[in-house]
C-alpha atoms as a PDB file:
ATOM      1  CA  UNK A   1     -19.514 -15.495  25.818  1.00  0.00           C
ATOM      2  CA  UNK A   2     -15.724 -16.960  24.750  1.00  0.00           C
ATOM      3  CA  UNK A   3     -16.433 -16.208  21.234  1.00  0.00           C
ATOM      4  CA  UNK A   4     -18.056 -12.792  21.999  1.00  0.00           C
ATOM      5  CA  UNK A   5     -15.162 -11.593  24.295  1.00  0.00           C
ATOM      6  CA  UNK A   6     -12.998 -12.958  20.910  1.00  0.00           C
ATOM      7  CA  UNK A   7     -14.703 -10.503  18.305  1.00  0.00           C
ATOM      8  CA  UNK A   8     -14.447  -7.933  21.097  1.00  0.00           C
ATOM      9  CA  UNK A   9     -10.840  -8.286  21.345  1.00  0.00           C
ATOM     10  CA  UNK A  10     -10.681  -8.158  17.473  1.00  0.00           C
ATOM     11  CA  UNK A  11     -12.650  -5.201  17.391  1.00  0.00           C
ATOM     12  CA  UNK A  12     -11.378  -3.160  19.773  1.00  0.00           C
ATOM     13  CA  UNK A  13      -7.639  -4.149  19.381  1.00  0.00           C
ATOM     14  CA  UNK A  14      -5.764  -1.585  21.392  1.00  0.00           C
ATOM     15  CA  UNK A  15      -8.729   1.148  21.033  1.00  0.00           C
ATOM     16  CA  UNK A  16      -9.684   0.733  24.768  1.00  0.00           C
ATOM     17  CA  UNK A  17     -10.150  -1.625  27.356  1.00  0.00           C
ATOM     18  CA  UNK A  18     -12.860  -4.707  26.654  1.00  0.00           C
ATOM     19  CA  UNK A  19     -13.992  -4.236  30.528  1.00  0.00           C
ATOM     20  CA  UNK A  20     -14.875  -0.738  30.259  1.00  0.00           C
ATOM     21  CA  UNK A  21     -17.479  -1.772  27.920  1.00  0.00           C
ATOM     22  CA  UNK A  22     -20.914  -3.496  28.329  1.00  0.00           C
ATOM     23  CA  UNK A  23     -21.292  -6.625  26.119  1.00  0.00           C
ATOM     24  CA  UNK A  24     -25.490  -5.201  26.066  1.00  0.00           C
ATOM     25  CA  UNK A  25     -24.055  -2.040  24.451  1.00  0.00           C
ATOM     26  CA  UNK A  26     -23.581  -3.997  20.950  1.00  0.00           C
ATOM     27  CA  UNK A  27     -25.027  -3.729  17.534  1.00  0.00           C
ATOM     28  CA  UNK A  28     -24.046  -6.398  14.908  1.00  0.00           C
ATOM     29  CA  UNK A  29     -23.925  -5.155  11.511  1.00  0.00           C
ATOM     30  CA  UNK A  30     -24.513  -7.587   8.367  1.00  0.00           C
ATOM     31  CA  UNK A  31     -25.004  -7.911   5.091  1.00  0.00           C
ATOM     32  CA  UNK A  32     -23.760  -9.336   1.371  1.00  0.00           C
ATOM     33  CA  UNK A  33     -21.936  -7.524  -1.338  1.00  0.00           C
ATOM     34  CA  UNK A  34     -23.809  -7.998  -4.310  1.00  0.00           C
ATOM     35  CA  UNK A  35     -23.249  -6.925  -8.034  1.00  0.00           C
ATOM     36  CA  UNK A  36     -26.103  -4.568  -8.943  1.00  0.00           C
ATOM     37  CA  UNK A  37     -26.995  -6.065 -12.072  1.00  0.00           C
ATOM     38  CA  UNK A  38     -26.457  -9.810 -11.924  1.00  0.00           C
ATOM     39  CA  UNK A  39     -27.589  -9.656  -8.223  1.00  0.00           C
ATOM     40  CA  UNK A  40     -24.509 -12.389  -7.382  1.00  0.00           C
ATOM     41  CA  UNK A  41     -21.874 -12.235  -4.846  1.00  0.00           C
ATOM     42  CA  UNK A  42     -18.665 -10.156  -5.501  1.00  0.00           C
ATOM     43  CA  UNK A  43     -15.380 -10.430  -3.761  1.00  0.00           C
ATOM     44  CA  UNK A  44     -14.392  -7.333  -1.953  1.00  0.00           C
ATOM     45  CA  UNK A  45     -12.148  -5.597   0.391  1.00  0.00           C
ATOM     46  CA  UNK A  46     -14.623  -3.781   3.145  1.00  0.00           C
ATOM     47  CA  UNK A  47     -12.879  -1.546   5.303  1.00  0.00           C
ATOM     48  CA  UNK A  48     -15.098  -0.099   8.497  1.00  0.00           C
ATOM     49  CA  UNK A  49     -14.438   2.381  10.914  1.00  0.00           C
ATOM     50  CA  UNK A  50     -16.156   4.073  13.950  1.00  0.00           C
ATOM     51  CA  UNK A  51     -16.937   8.025  13.261  1.00  0.00           C
ATOM     52  CA  UNK A  52     -15.921  10.885  13.568  1.00  0.00           C
ATOM     53  CA  UNK A  53     -12.258   9.631  14.560  1.00  0.00           C
ATOM     54  CA  UNK A  54     -11.741   6.043  13.389  1.00  0.00           C
ATOM     55  CA  UNK A  55     -10.653   4.651  16.704  1.00  0.00           C
ATOM     56  CA  UNK A  56     -12.237   1.487  15.638  1.00  0.00           C
ATOM     57  CA  UNK A  57     -11.220   0.042  12.692  1.00  0.00           C
ATOM     58  CA  UNK A  58     -11.466  -2.958  10.660  1.00  0.00           C
ATOM     59  CA  UNK A  59     -11.235  -4.936   6.900  1.00  0.00           C
ATOM     60  CA  UNK A  60     -12.882  -7.907   5.861  1.00  0.00           C
ATOM     61  CA  UNK A  61     -12.010  -9.724   2.668  1.00  0.00           C
ATOM     62  CA  UNK A  62     -15.203 -11.969   0.775  1.00  0.00           C
ATOM     63  CA  UNK A  63     -18.463 -11.285  -0.071  1.00  0.00           C
ATOM     64  CA  UNK A  64     -20.190 -10.391   3.251  1.00  0.00           C
ATOM     65  CA  UNK A  65     -19.487  -8.979   6.074  1.00  0.00           C
ATOM     66  CA  UNK A  66     -20.517  -8.938   9.908  1.00  0.00           C
ATOM     67  CA  UNK A  67     -19.103  -6.567  12.501  1.00  0.00           C
ATOM     68  CA  UNK A  68     -19.779  -5.305  16.368  1.00  0.00           C
ATOM     69  CA  UNK A  69     -21.144  -1.962  16.523  1.00  0.00           C
ATOM     70  CA  UNK A  70     -21.095   0.136  20.040  1.00  0.00           C
ATOM     71  CA  UNK A  71     -24.535   1.757  20.066  1.00  0.00           C
ATOM     72  CA  UNK A  72     -23.213   5.539  20.744  1.00  0.00           C
ATOM     73  CA  UNK A  73     -21.030   5.233  17.897  1.00  0.00           C
ATOM     74  CA  UNK A  74     -21.833   5.672  13.855  1.00  0.00           C
ATOM     75  CA  UNK A  75     -19.655   3.804  11.302  1.00  0.00           C
ATOM     76  CA  UNK A  76     -18.715   4.402   7.833  1.00  0.00           C
ATOM     77  CA  UNK A  77     -18.300   1.196   5.383  1.00  0.00           C
ATOM     78  CA  UNK A  78     -16.415   1.433   2.403  1.00  0.00           C
ATOM     79  CA  UNK A  79     -16.266  -1.506  -0.371  1.00  0.00           C
ATOM     80  CA  UNK A  80     -13.547  -1.803  -3.249  1.00  0.00           C
ATOM     81  CA  UNK A  81     -13.827  -4.699  -5.468  1.00  0.00           C
ATOM     82  CA  UNK A  82     -11.865  -4.821  -8.673  1.00  0.00           C
ATOM     83  CA  UNK A  83     -14.037  -3.861 -12.058  1.00  0.00           C
ATOM     84  CA  UNK A  84     -16.331  -2.105  -9.830  1.00  0.00           C
ATOM     85  CA  UNK A  85     -16.673   1.431  -8.904  1.00  0.00           C
ATOM     86  CA  UNK A  86     -15.741   1.882  -5.053  1.00  0.00           C
ATOM     87  CA  UNK A  87     -19.073   2.339  -2.413  1.00  0.00           C
ATOM     88  CA  UNK A  88     -19.137   4.382   0.643  1.00  0.00           C
ATOM     89  CA  UNK A  89     -22.055   4.088   3.297  1.00  0.00           C
ATOM     90  CA  UNK A  90     -22.759   4.951   6.857  1.00  0.00           C
ATOM     91  CA  UNK A  91     -24.026   2.592   8.993  1.00  0.00           C
ATOM     92  CA  UNK A  92     -25.842   3.562  12.603  1.00  0.00           C
ATOM     93  CA  UNK A  93     -27.016   1.603  15.331  1.00  0.00           C
ATOM     94  CA  UNK A  94     -29.909   3.185  15.606  1.00  0.00           C
ATOM     95  CA  UNK A  95     -31.426   1.724  12.652  1.00  0.00           C
ATOM     96  CA  UNK A  96     -31.357  -1.910  14.075  1.00  0.00           C
ATOM     97  CA  UNK A  97     -34.071  -4.799  14.127  1.00  0.00           C
ATOM     98  CA  UNK A  98     -35.420  -6.550  17.101  1.00  0.00           C
ATOM     99  CA  UNK A  99     -31.939  -9.091  17.161  1.00  0.00           C
ATOM    100  CA  UNK A 100     -29.943  -5.999  17.623  1.00  0.00           C
ATOM    101  CA  UNK A 101     -29.188  -6.173  13.592  1.00  0.00           C
ATOM    102  CA  UNK A 102     -28.540  -3.641  11.145  1.00  0.00           C
ATOM    103  CA  UNK A 103     -28.790  -5.423   7.483  1.00  0.00           C
ATOM    104  CA  UNK A 104     -28.018  -3.951   4.746  1.00  0.00           C
ATOM    105  CA  UNK A 105     -26.884  -5.366   1.018  1.00  0.00           C
ATOM    106  CA  UNK A 106     -24.435  -3.313  -0.849  1.00  0.00           C
ATOM    107  CA  UNK A 107     -24.949  -3.132  -4.523  1.00  0.00           C
ATOM    108  CA  UNK A 108     -21.616  -2.624  -6.554  1.00  0.00           C
ATOM    109  CA  UNK A 109     -21.940  -1.013 -10.043  1.00  0.00           C
ATOM    110  CA  UNK A 110     -19.668  -2.561 -12.624  1.00  0.00           C
ATOM    111  CA  UNK A 111     -16.434  -0.578 -13.692  1.00  0.00           C
ATOM    112  CA  UNK A 112     -17.103  -0.711 -17.230  1.00  0.00           C
ATOM    113  CA  UNK A 113     -20.336   1.495 -16.598  1.00  0.00           C
ATOM    114  CA  UNK A 114     -18.498   4.056 -14.109  1.00  0.00           C
ATOM    115  CA  UNK A 115     -17.246   6.998 -15.494  1.00  0.00           C
ATOM    116  CA  UNK A 116     -13.308   7.549 -14.898  1.00  0.00           C
ATOM    117  CA  UNK A 117     -12.464  11.123 -13.665  1.00  0.00           C
ATOM    118  CA  UNK A 118      -9.318  12.400 -13.068  1.00  0.00           C
ATOM    119  CA  UNK A 119      -8.207  12.573  -9.740  1.00  0.00           C
ATOM    120  CA  UNK A 120     -10.283   9.472  -8.773  1.00  0.00           C
ATOM    121  CA  UNK A 121      -8.303   6.910  -6.570  1.00  0.00           C
ATOM    122  CA  UNK A 122      -8.786   3.228  -6.879  1.00  0.00           C
ATOM    123  CA  UNK A 123      -7.418   0.677  -4.006  1.00  0.00           C
ATOM    124  CA  UNK A 124      -6.144  -2.392  -6.249  1.00  0.00           C
ATOM    125  CA  UNK A 125      -7.409  -4.363  -3.356  1.00  0.00           C
ATOM    126  CA  UNK A 126      -6.518  -7.731  -4.775  1.00  0.00           C
ATOM    127  CA  UNK A 127      -2.950  -7.418  -5.267  1.00  0.00           C
ATOM    128  CA  UNK A 128      -0.817  -9.410  -3.661  1.00  0.00           C
ATOM    129  CA  UNK A 129       3.087  -9.130  -3.140  1.00  0.00           C
ATOM    130  CA  UNK A 130       5.039 -12.038  -1.884  1.00  0.00           C
ATOM    131  CA  UNK A 131       6.051 -11.120   2.395  1.00  0.00           C
ATOM    132  CA  UNK A 132       8.517  -8.275   2.195  1.00  0.00           C
ATOM    133  CA  UNK A 133       9.439  -8.350  -1.515  1.00  0.00           C
ATOM    134  CA  UNK A 134       8.243  -6.581  -4.854  1.00  0.00           C
ATOM    135  CA  UNK A 135       7.083 -10.009  -6.509  1.00  0.00           C
ATOM    136  CA  UNK A 136       3.404 -10.079  -7.400  1.00  0.00           C
ATOM    137  CA  UNK A 137       2.023 -13.584  -6.753  1.00  0.00           C
ATOM    138  CA  UNK A 138      -0.438 -15.388  -9.751  1.00  0.00           C
ATOM    139  CA  UNK A 139      -3.756 -14.636  -7.498  1.00  0.00           C
ATOM    140  CA  UNK A 140      -3.096 -11.353  -8.345  1.00  0.00           C
ATOM    141  CA  UNK A 141      -3.355 -11.739 -12.150  1.00  0.00           C
ATOM    142  CA  UNK A 142      -6.979 -11.121 -12.412  1.00  0.00           C
ATOM    143  CA  UNK A 143      -7.115  -7.836 -10.834  1.00  0.00           C
ATOM    144  CA  UNK A 144      -4.169  -6.383 -12.791  1.00  0.00           C
ATOM    145  CA  UNK A 145      -6.043  -7.724 -15.834  1.00  0.00           C
ATOM    146  CA  UNK A 146      -8.734  -5.515 -15.280  1.00  0.00           C
ATOM    147  CA  UNK A 147      -6.883  -2.379 -15.121  1.00  0.00           C
ATOM    148  CA  UNK A 148      -5.033  -3.461 -18.222  1.00  0.00           C
ATOM    149  CA  UNK A 149      -8.864  -3.826 -19.584  1.00  0.00           C
ATOM    150  CA  UNK A 150      -9.774  -0.530 -18.282  1.00  0.00           C
ATOM    151  CA  UNK A 151      -6.936   1.182 -20.115  1.00  0.00           C
ATOM    152  CA  UNK A 152      -7.237  -0.648 -23.227  1.00  0.00           C
ATOM    153  CA  UNK A 153     -10.680   0.917 -23.032  1.00  0.00           C
ATOM    154  CA  UNK A 154     -10.065   4.495 -22.235  1.00  0.00           C
ATOM    155  CA  UNK A 155      -7.012   5.116 -25.137  1.00  0.00           C
ATOM    156  CA  UNK A 156      -6.085   8.827 -23.111  1.00  0.00           C
ATOM    157  CA  UNK A 157      -6.396   7.616 -19.900  1.00  0.00           C
ATOM    158  CA  UNK A 158      -2.964   8.322 -18.105  1.00  0.00           C
ATOM    159  CA  UNK A 159      -2.361   6.865 -14.608  1.00  0.00           C
ATOM    160  CA  UNK A 160      -0.274   7.229 -11.474  1.00  0.00           C
ATOM    161  CA  UNK A 161       0.524   3.936  -9.173  1.00  0.00           C
ATOM    162  CA  UNK A 162       1.187   4.894  -6.056  1.00  0.00           C
ATOM    163  CA  UNK A 163       2.953   2.759  -3.507  1.00  0.00           C
ATOM    164  CA  UNK A 164       2.253   2.584   0.161  1.00  0.00           C
ATOM    165  CA  UNK A 165       3.669   0.286   3.218  1.00  0.00           C
ATOM    166  CA  UNK A 166       2.759   0.029   6.655  1.00  0.00           C
ATOM    167  CA  UNK A 167       5.185   2.510   9.006  1.00  0.00           C
ATOM    168  CA  UNK A 168       6.692   0.073  11.071  1.00  0.00           C
ATOM    169  CA  UNK A 169      10.590  -0.793  10.416  1.00  0.00           C
ATOM    170  CA  UNK A 170      13.123   1.314   8.719  1.00  0.00           C
ATOM    171  CA  UNK A 171      11.641   4.453   6.379  1.00  0.00           C
ATOM    172  CA  UNK A 172      14.456   3.857   3.972  1.00  0.00           C
ATOM    173  CA  UNK A 173      13.477   0.417   3.398  1.00  0.00           C
ATOM    174  CA  UNK A 174      10.016   0.833   3.397  1.00  0.00           C
ATOM    175  CA  UNK A 175      10.389   3.871   0.781  1.00  0.00           C
ATOM    176  CA  UNK A 176      12.316   1.374  -1.557  1.00  0.00           C
ATOM    177  CA  UNK A 177      10.087  -1.259  -0.888  1.00  0.00           C
ATOM    178  CA  UNK A 178       6.964   0.457  -2.182  1.00  0.00           C
ATOM    179  CA  UNK A 179       9.029   1.941  -5.106  1.00  0.00           C
ATOM    180  CA  UNK A 180       9.943  -1.576  -6.345  1.00  0.00           C
ATOM    181  CA  UNK A 181       6.551  -2.960  -5.539  1.00  0.00           C
ATOM    182  CA  UNK A 182       4.668   0.164  -7.908  1.00  0.00           C
ATOM    183  CA  UNK A 183       7.615  -0.351 -10.494  1.00  0.00           C
ATOM    184  CA  UNK A 184       6.620  -4.411 -10.579  1.00  0.00           C
ATOM    185  CA  UNK A 185       2.684  -3.411 -10.711  1.00  0.00           C
ATOM    186  CA  UNK A 186       3.762  -1.065 -14.233  1.00  0.00           C
ATOM    187  CA  UNK A 187       6.146  -3.737 -15.617  1.00  0.00           C
ATOM    188  CA  UNK A 188       3.320  -6.014 -15.759  1.00  0.00           C
ATOM    189  CA  UNK A 189       1.098  -3.511 -17.345  1.00  0.00           C
ATOM    190  CA  UNK A 190       3.434  -2.857 -19.961  1.00  0.00           C
ATOM    191  CA  UNK A 191       3.959  -6.317 -20.348  1.00  0.00           C
ATOM    192  CA  UNK A 192       0.260  -7.162 -21.590  1.00  0.00           C
ATOM    193  CA  UNK A 193       0.772  -4.233 -24.018  1.00  0.00           C
ATOM    194  CA  UNK A 194       0.005  -0.583 -22.268  1.00  0.00           C
ATOM    195  CA  UNK A 195       2.551   2.076 -23.154  1.00  0.00           C
ATOM    196  CA  UNK A 196       5.288   3.219 -20.585  1.00  0.00           C
ATOM    197  CA  UNK A 197       4.300   6.728 -20.867  1.00  0.00           C
ATOM    198  CA  UNK A 198       0.646   6.341 -19.692  1.00  0.00           C
ATOM    199  CA  UNK A 199       1.702   4.686 -16.339  1.00  0.00           C
ATOM    200  CA  UNK A 200       3.828   7.112 -13.854  1.00  0.00           C
ATOM    201  CA  UNK A 201       4.715   5.507 -10.361  1.00  0.00           C
ATOM    202  CA  UNK A 202       5.419   7.328  -7.146  1.00  0.00           C
ATOM    203  CA  UNK A 203       6.498   5.729  -4.051  1.00  0.00           C
ATOM    204  CA  UNK A 204       5.304   7.250  -0.044  1.00  0.00           C
ATOM    205  CA  UNK A 205       6.441   4.480   1.936  1.00  0.00           C
ATOM    206  CA  UNK A 206       5.104   4.267   5.323  1.00  0.00           C
ATOM    207  CA  UNK A 207       4.578   8.551   5.317  1.00  0.00           C
ATOM    208  CA  UNK A 208       0.889   8.233   4.527  1.00  0.00           C
ATOM    209  CA  UNK A 209      -0.996   5.263   6.524  1.00  0.00           C
ATOM    210  CA  UNK A 210      -4.506   5.133   6.746  1.00  0.00           C
ATOM    211  CA  UNK A 211      -4.727   4.743  10.038  1.00  0.00           C
ATOM    212  CA  UNK A 212      -2.132   4.982  12.858  1.00  0.00           C
ATOM    213  CA  UNK A 213      -3.541   2.466  15.180  1.00  0.00           C
ATOM    214  CA  UNK A 214      -0.991  -0.538  15.903  1.00  0.00           C
ATOM    215  CA  UNK A 215      -2.607  -3.337  15.283  1.00  0.00           C
ATOM    216  CA  UNK A 216      -2.245  -6.030  12.579  1.00  0.00           C
ATOM    217  CA  UNK A 217      -5.440  -5.338  10.663  1.00  0.00           C
ATOM    218  CA  UNK A 218      -4.524  -1.528  10.561  1.00  0.00           C
ATOM    219  CA  UNK A 219      -0.907  -2.440   9.099  1.00  0.00           C
ATOM    220  CA  UNK A 220      -2.246  -4.590   6.625  1.00  0.00           C
ATOM    221  CA  UNK A 221      -4.762  -2.268   5.238  1.00  0.00           C
ATOM    222  CA  UNK A 222      -1.640   0.690   5.362  1.00  0.00           C
ATOM    223  CA  UNK A 223       0.441  -1.679   2.868  1.00  0.00           C
ATOM    224  CA  UNK A 224      -1.751  -1.061  -0.417  1.00  0.00           C
ATOM    225  CA  UNK A 225      -1.272   0.205  -3.980  1.00  0.00           C
ATOM    226  CA  UNK A 226      -3.794   3.161  -5.089  1.00  0.00           C
ATOM    227  CA  UNK A 227      -4.292   3.603  -8.852  1.00  0.00           C
ATOM    228  CA  UNK A 228      -4.912   7.251  -9.137  1.00  0.00           C
ATOM    229  CA  UNK A 229      -6.301   8.506 -13.105  1.00  0.00           C
ATOM    230  CA  UNK A 230      -4.242  11.396 -13.892  1.00  0.00           C
ATOM    231  CA  UNK A 231      -5.632  12.239 -17.481  1.00  0.00           C
ATOM    232  CA  UNK A 232      -8.553  10.621 -19.386  1.00  0.00           C
END
């Protein structure tokens, strides 16, 4: 019971009191994230939220997912991984099996087989900065190298790097930090031979959060750099 309550606290955060819900009304979604070509596990960022308002939201990093769903809500799940086209699905607790599980493996198509069209936005989900700074950590280099390869393969591609922070703290400092972070990403791409003229940058600070929830998971999701394709 203690483990179940901990999972509920994580899921609900500030959305609603735990005691207002019955544990018996829970169904669990679970599955693997796989390469469509090799059927091997793929590390990804998995964002799930209840529909239609997104009042229950969570982020999972890894090659598998598992989370609780209330029976009266449908859920969207979006999967983003470096080198793969993003995938988005809807999960319905009504599709549960006899063990109250909705099991769905998600296959991702390699980015090299994906047509990159103007207006497409990709989240650099494995891009990590030092806390409160614009310094990119070495763990981020493989993801950025995929962007380099994508731009080399698409010689006419022009991109815009869009920096976002969470909405906590001083708005001016948030704007400054998001500006510094997209510049750091641009500098890395330029150091790998991509022309400066092909890389635009735009900083939003905390003005465009993906979630207004006041939870650590929501704040973490709001801190991001997105890549928008302007021309290709």
